[in-house]
Amino acid sequence: MNQKSAWQDALIKYCIDFNIPIDYLSDILRDSKVNPMIRGKGFEFSTLMAFQNILSSDIWEVTKPNMNAQAMQHDVDILVKHIPSGKTISVECKLSKKDSFRISKTGEITAAVKCMRSRTLGQEIIADRAPIMGVTVDQLNAHKDNYLTTDFDVVASSFGNAFYTTDKESGEYIWTPESSHQKIIEKILQNPHADLKKAAFDYILVAKASDLSPSAGFYPCARKTCKHRDTCAFIPNYPVVKFDNITGQPIQPWNSLKALEDVLLEVLSKK
């Protein structure tokens, strides 16, 4: 059986198993309530393949655990194992915030990463989870939709999602970069001949989770109810990625995939 017929057969079986009318599958997947979840899950697999392509299989094992996260357990999008040491690194995949690409009047180039919990923690879960997480109930209540830097080791994000907007009539996500942004995109991608839509989405940014909290000094805590804003260990909802306006390269704490192995080794050095 060839690869194409295998996935087609699997798709048909999926529709049969879960009572999905296959004639309307495309409409279902494009629904504005469904599409963000599908794209987010798809990005996890895109990142998995990108990591596998760039990391040596003799040194690194990259897998996608099949997990069903429980109330007290954070699911792992991608697990990277350093074979020589046996240590593992957890990676959280988060798309950049749609329509967040900006060029300021001073030439600063930025995009934002949507890095928040999909569900806000309820009061009962906060009371149970706070001592396990090593924070007070008040701290967790102030950050009920934020991740702690200890929830995972690395965040991966797609640059391209920052150029999508929602069509007002259809509700669909559409690729709509401004024409004036094209040269900037090409500079960041360092490939003027690329299919910009695909290349921008495939341009993956990585950062250590420990660098994304206000305590690391890159981002301030935006929660007024937080009583430890200078030493806060929660990741902001929308950490901003800045790009050098001359080289187009991401500025710390964010890195391109070229620096992936260095980022992973930095994480390992503290495990």
Protein backbone atom coordinates (compact mmCIF):
# COMPACT_ATOMS: atom_id res chain seq x y z
CA MET A 1 0.00 0.00 0.00
CA ASN A 2 1.51 3.36 -0.96
CA GLN A 3 1.73 6.27 1.44
CA LYS A 4 -1.08 8.28 -0.17
CA SER A 5 -3.64 5.49 -0.10
CA ALA A 6 -2.63 4.71 3.49
CA TRP A 7 -3.54 8.16 4.79
CA GLN A 8 -6.70 8.22 2.67
CA ASP A 9 -7.83 4.91 4.13
CA ALA A 10 -6.98 6.15 7.64
CA LEU A 11 -9.02 9.31 7.07
CA ILE A 12 -12.04 7.35 5.84
CA LYS A 13 -11.81 5.01 8.84
CA TYR A 14 -11.59 8.01 11.18
CA CYS A 15 -14.79 9.49 9.74
CA ILE A 16 -16.58 6.16 10.05
CA ASP A 17 -15.36 5.54 13.62
CA PHE A 18 -16.47 8.97 14.84
CA ASN A 19 -19.64 9.40 12.73
CA ILE A 20 -18.27 12.31 10.68
CA PRO A 21 -19.91 12.87 7.26
CA ILE A 22 -16.89 12.72 4.99
CA ASP A 23 -18.58 14.81 2.28
CA TYR A 24 -18.52 17.73 4.71
CA LEU A 25 -15.10 17.07 6.20
CA SER A 26 -13.53 20.12 4.55
CA ASP A 27 -16.31 22.37 5.87
CA ILE A 28 -15.88 20.93 9.35
CA LEU A 29 -12.12 21.49 9.36
CA ARG A 30 -12.52 25.06 8.07
CA ASP A 31 -15.06 25.99 10.75
CA SER A 32 -13.79 29.01 12.70
CA LYS A 33 -14.21 27.14 16.00
CA VAL A 34 -12.34 24.05 14.79
CA ASN A 35 -9.63 25.48 12.56
CA PRO A 36 -7.47 27.05 15.33
CA MET A 37 -7.26 23.70 17.15
CA ILE A 38 -6.42 21.84 13.94
CA ARG A 39 -3.72 24.35 13.01
CA GLY A 40 -2.25 24.26 16.51
CA LYS A 41 -2.08 20.47 16.48
CA GLY A 42 -0.67 20.54 12.95
CA PHE A 43 2.10 22.88 14.10
CA GLU A 44 3.14 20.35 16.71
CA PHE A 45 3.80 17.81 13.97
CA SER A 46 5.50 20.41 11.76
CA THR A 47 7.85 21.19 14.65
CA LEU A 48 8.42 17.49 15.28
CA MET A 49 9.57 17.00 11.68
CA ALA A 50 11.70 20.16 11.72
CA PHE A 51 13.49 19.05 14.90
CA GLN A 52 14.04 15.56 13.51
CA ASN A 53 15.51 17.02 10.31
CA ILE A 54 17.94 19.37 12.04
CA LEU A 55 19.10 17.25 15.00
CA SER A 56 21.46 14.31 14.60
CA SER A 57 19.63 11.05 15.34
CA ASP A 58 22.87 9.70 16.84
CA ILE A 59 22.69 12.29 19.62
CA TRP A 60 19.03 13.29 19.85
CA GLU A 61 15.79 11.32 19.85
CA VAL A 62 12.74 13.45 19.01
CA THR A 63 9.29 12.01 19.67
CA LYS A 64 5.71 13.12 20.15
CA PRO A 65 4.24 11.43 23.23
CA ASN A 66 0.62 10.36 23.05
CA MET A 67 -0.66 11.85 26.28
CA ASN A 68 -4.00 12.65 27.84
CA ALA A 69 -3.16 15.39 30.31
CA GLN A 70 -4.80 15.14 33.72
CA ALA A 71 -5.60 18.00 36.06
CA MET A 72 -2.21 17.77 37.79
CA GLN A 73 -0.12 16.85 34.76
CA HIS A 74 0.95 19.01 31.83
CA ASP A 75 0.96 17.25 28.49
CA VAL A 76 4.16 17.24 26.43
CA ASP A 77 3.93 18.37 22.81
CA ILE A 78 7.41 17.17 21.85
CA LEU A 79 9.96 15.24 23.88
CA VAL A 80 13.65 15.54 23.00
CA LYS A 81 15.99 12.98 24.54
CA HIS A 82 19.73 13.56 24.71
CA ILE A 83 20.94 10.01 24.04
CA PRO A 84 24.44 10.28 25.60
CA SER A 85 23.10 11.54 28.96
CA GLY A 86 19.63 10.03 28.90
CA LYS A 87 18.16 13.41 29.91
CA THR A 88 14.94 14.69 28.32
CA ILE A 89 13.70 18.13 27.30
CA SER A 90 10.01 19.00 26.95
CA VAL A 91 8.93 21.37 24.18
CA GLU A 92 5.70 23.38 24.12
CA CYS A 93 4.45 24.38 20.65
CA LYS A 94 2.64 27.72 20.43
CA LEU A 95 1.72 29.56 17.24
CA SER A 96 2.50 33.25 16.99
CA LYS A 97 -0.49 35.49 17.58
CA LYS A 98 -2.39 36.16 14.36
CA ASP A 99 -2.02 39.65 12.88
CA SER A 100 0.74 40.50 15.37
CA PHE A 101 3.59 41.40 12.99
CA ARG A 102 4.56 45.03 13.47
CA ILE A 103 7.18 47.51 12.26
CA SER A 104 7.34 50.57 14.51
CA LYS A 105 8.12 54.11 13.39
CA THR A 106 11.63 53.60 14.74
CA GLY A 107 12.05 50.45 12.63
CA GLU A 108 11.60 47.90 15.43
CA ILE A 109 10.37 44.57 14.00
CA THR A 110 8.19 42.46 16.29
CA ALA A 111 5.68 39.62 16.45
CA ALA A 112 3.91 38.11 19.46
CA VAL A 113 3.63 34.49 20.57
CA LYS A 114 0.31 33.26 21.95
CA CYS A 115 1.59 31.46 25.04
CA MET A 116 -1.25 30.87 27.48
CA ARG A 117 -3.30 28.02 28.84
CA SER A 118 -6.22 26.97 26.69
CA ARG A 119 -8.34 26.79 29.84
CA THR A 120 -8.28 29.14 32.81
CA LEU A 121 -7.75 27.30 36.08
CA GLY A 122 -10.78 27.13 38.39
CA GLN A 123 -10.65 27.88 42.10
CA GLU A 124 -10.65 24.24 43.22
CA ILE A 125 -7.81 23.34 40.86
CA ILE A 126 -5.88 26.45 41.97
CA ALA A 127 -6.18 25.44 45.63
CA ASP A 128 -5.02 21.88 44.85
CA ARG A 129 -2.30 22.74 42.36
CA ALA A 130 -0.62 25.75 44.02
CA PRO A 131 1.36 23.78 46.65
CA ILE A 132 2.36 21.20 44.03
CA MET A 133 3.64 23.97 41.77
CA GLY A 134 5.51 25.64 44.61
CA VAL A 135 3.53 28.89 44.55
CA THR A 136 0.90 30.43 46.79
CA VAL A 137 -2.81 30.36 46.02
CA ASP A 138 -2.71 34.15 45.58
CA GLN A 139 0.13 33.88 43.05
CA LEU A 140 -1.61 31.20 41.01
CA ASN A 141 -4.93 33.03 41.22
CA ALA A 142 -3.23 36.10 39.70
CA HIS A 143 -1.86 33.94 36.89
CA LYS A 144 -4.66 31.44 36.37
CA ASP A 145 -4.18 31.39 32.59
CA ASN A 146 -0.36 31.62 32.60
CA TYR A 147 2.24 28.86 32.40
CA LEU A 148 5.04 28.51 34.90
CA THR A 149 8.51 28.26 33.42
CA THR A 150 8.75 24.81 35.02
CA ASP A 151 5.79 23.48 33.03
CA PHE A 152 8.12 22.79 30.07
CA ASP A 153 11.71 23.50 29.04
CA VAL A 154 11.47 25.09 25.58
CA VAL A 155 8.83 27.02 23.63
CA ALA A 156 8.65 26.68 19.84
CA SER A 157 6.62 29.08 17.70
CA SER A 158 5.86 29.67 14.03
CA PHE A 159 6.70 33.11 12.68
CA GLY A 160 4.20 32.82 9.80
CA ASN A 161 1.02 32.82 11.86
CA ALA A 162 1.64 36.50 12.68
CA PHE A 163 0.55 37.34 9.11
CA TYR A 164 -2.85 35.65 9.26
CA THR A 165 -6.06 37.55 9.89
CA THR A 166 -9.68 36.46 10.20
CA ASP A 167 -11.88 37.18 7.18
CA LYS A 168 -14.89 39.11 8.47
CA GLU A 169 -17.35 37.47 6.10
CA SER A 170 -16.28 33.81 6.11
CA GLY A 171 -14.57 33.67 9.51
CA GLU A 172 -11.64 31.82 7.89
CA TYR A 173 -7.98 32.49 8.57
CA ILE A 174 -6.33 34.13 5.58
CA TRP A 175 -2.71 34.99 4.78
CA THR A 176 -2.61 38.79 4.45
CA PRO A 177 0.86 40.30 4.90
CA GLU A 178 1.12 43.91 3.79
CA SER A 179 3.07 44.41 0.55
CA SER A 180 5.48 46.69 2.41
CA HIS A 181 6.38 43.78 4.69
CA GLN A 182 7.63 41.50 1.92
CA LYS A 183 11.27 42.63 1.99
CA ILE A 184 11.30 42.38 5.78
CA ILE A 185 9.92 38.83 5.61
CA GLU A 186 12.54 37.90 3.02
CA LYS A 187 15.27 39.36 5.23
CA ILE A 188 14.10 37.34 8.23
CA LEU A 189 13.76 34.15 6.18
CA GLN A 190 17.06 34.85 4.36
CA ASN A 191 15.51 33.35 1.22
CA PRO A 192 14.19 35.89 -1.34
CA HIS A 193 13.03 33.13 -3.69
CA ALA A 194 10.93 31.18 -1.20
CA ASP A 195 7.18 30.67 -1.20
CA LEU A 196 6.73 33.25 1.58
CA LYS A 197 3.54 31.79 2.99
CA LYS A 198 5.02 28.31 3.45
CA ALA A 199 8.54 29.46 4.35
CA ALA A 200 7.27 31.91 6.98
CA PHE A 201 5.13 29.23 8.61
CA ASP A 202 8.06 26.79 8.51
CA TYR A 203 10.32 29.40 10.13
CA ILE A 204 10.33 28.14 13.70
CA LEU A 205 11.50 30.18 16.66
CA VAL A 206 12.69 28.62 19.92
CA ALA A 207 13.30 30.01 23.39
CA LYS A 208 14.12 28.56 26.79
CA ALA A 209 11.03 28.71 29.01
CA SER A 210 13.21 30.00 31.85
CA ASP A 211 14.02 33.09 29.74
CA LEU A 212 10.37 34.00 29.17
CA SER A 213 9.35 34.89 32.71
CA PRO A 214 9.71 38.43 34.11
CA SER A 215 12.37 37.15 36.53
CA ALA A 216 14.70 36.60 33.54
CA GLY A 217 14.58 40.31 32.70
CA PHE A 218 13.24 40.19 29.13
CA TYR A 219 9.54 40.72 29.88
CA PRO A 220 7.69 42.63 32.61
CA CYS A 221 4.82 41.08 34.55
CA ALA A 222 1.58 42.63 33.29
CA ARG A 223 -0.64 41.36 36.09
CA LYS A 224 -1.46 44.16 38.53
CA THR A 225 -2.62 41.63 41.12
CA CYS A 226 0.78 39.88 41.12
CA LYS A 227 2.62 40.64 44.35
CA HIS A 228 6.00 39.44 43.06
CA ARG A 229 6.23 41.21 39.72
CA ASP A 230 10.03 41.57 39.71
CA THR A 231 10.64 37.91 40.49
CA CYS A 232 7.53 36.49 38.82
CA ALA A 233 8.11 33.02 37.35
CA PHE A 234 5.02 32.95 35.13
CA ILE A 235 5.29 33.33 31.35
CA PRO A 236 3.31 36.30 29.95
CA ASN A 237 0.37 35.57 27.67
CA TYR A 238 2.01 37.18 24.65
CA PRO A 239 5.82 37.26 24.85
CA VAL A 240 7.06 39.45 22.01
CA VAL A 241 9.71 38.34 19.53
CA LYS A 242 12.02 41.12 18.35
CA PHE A 243 14.07 40.92 15.15
CA ASP A 244 17.27 42.79 14.36
CA ASN A 245 16.29 45.35 11.70
CA ILE A 246 19.65 44.94 9.94
CA THR A 247 20.23 41.18 9.96
CA GLY A 248 16.62 40.05 10.36
CA GLN A 249 17.68 37.59 13.04
CA PRO A 250 15.59 37.08 16.19
CA ILE A 251 16.90 38.80 19.31
CA GLN A 252 17.34 37.00 22.62
CA PRO A 253 15.62 35.28 24.27
CA TRP A 254 14.35 33.94 20.91
CA ASN A 255 16.44 31.98 18.43
CA SER A 256 16.06 30.55 14.94
CA LEU A 257 16.32 26.80 14.37
CA LYS A 258 19.99 27.28 13.49
CA ALA A 259 20.61 27.68 17.22
CA LEU A 260 18.31 24.82 18.29
CA GLU A 261 21.05 22.49 19.46
CA ASP A 262 22.73 25.28 21.44
CA VAL A 263 19.42 26.05 23.15
CA LEU A 264 18.89 22.37 24.01
CA LEU A 265 22.42 22.04 25.39
CA GLU A 266 21.88 25.14 27.57
CA VAL A 267 18.73 23.55 28.99
CA LEU A 268 20.60 20.29 29.63
CA SER A 269 23.38 22.07 31.47
CA LYS A 270 20.89 23.08 34.17
CA LYS A 271 19.20 19.70 34.54
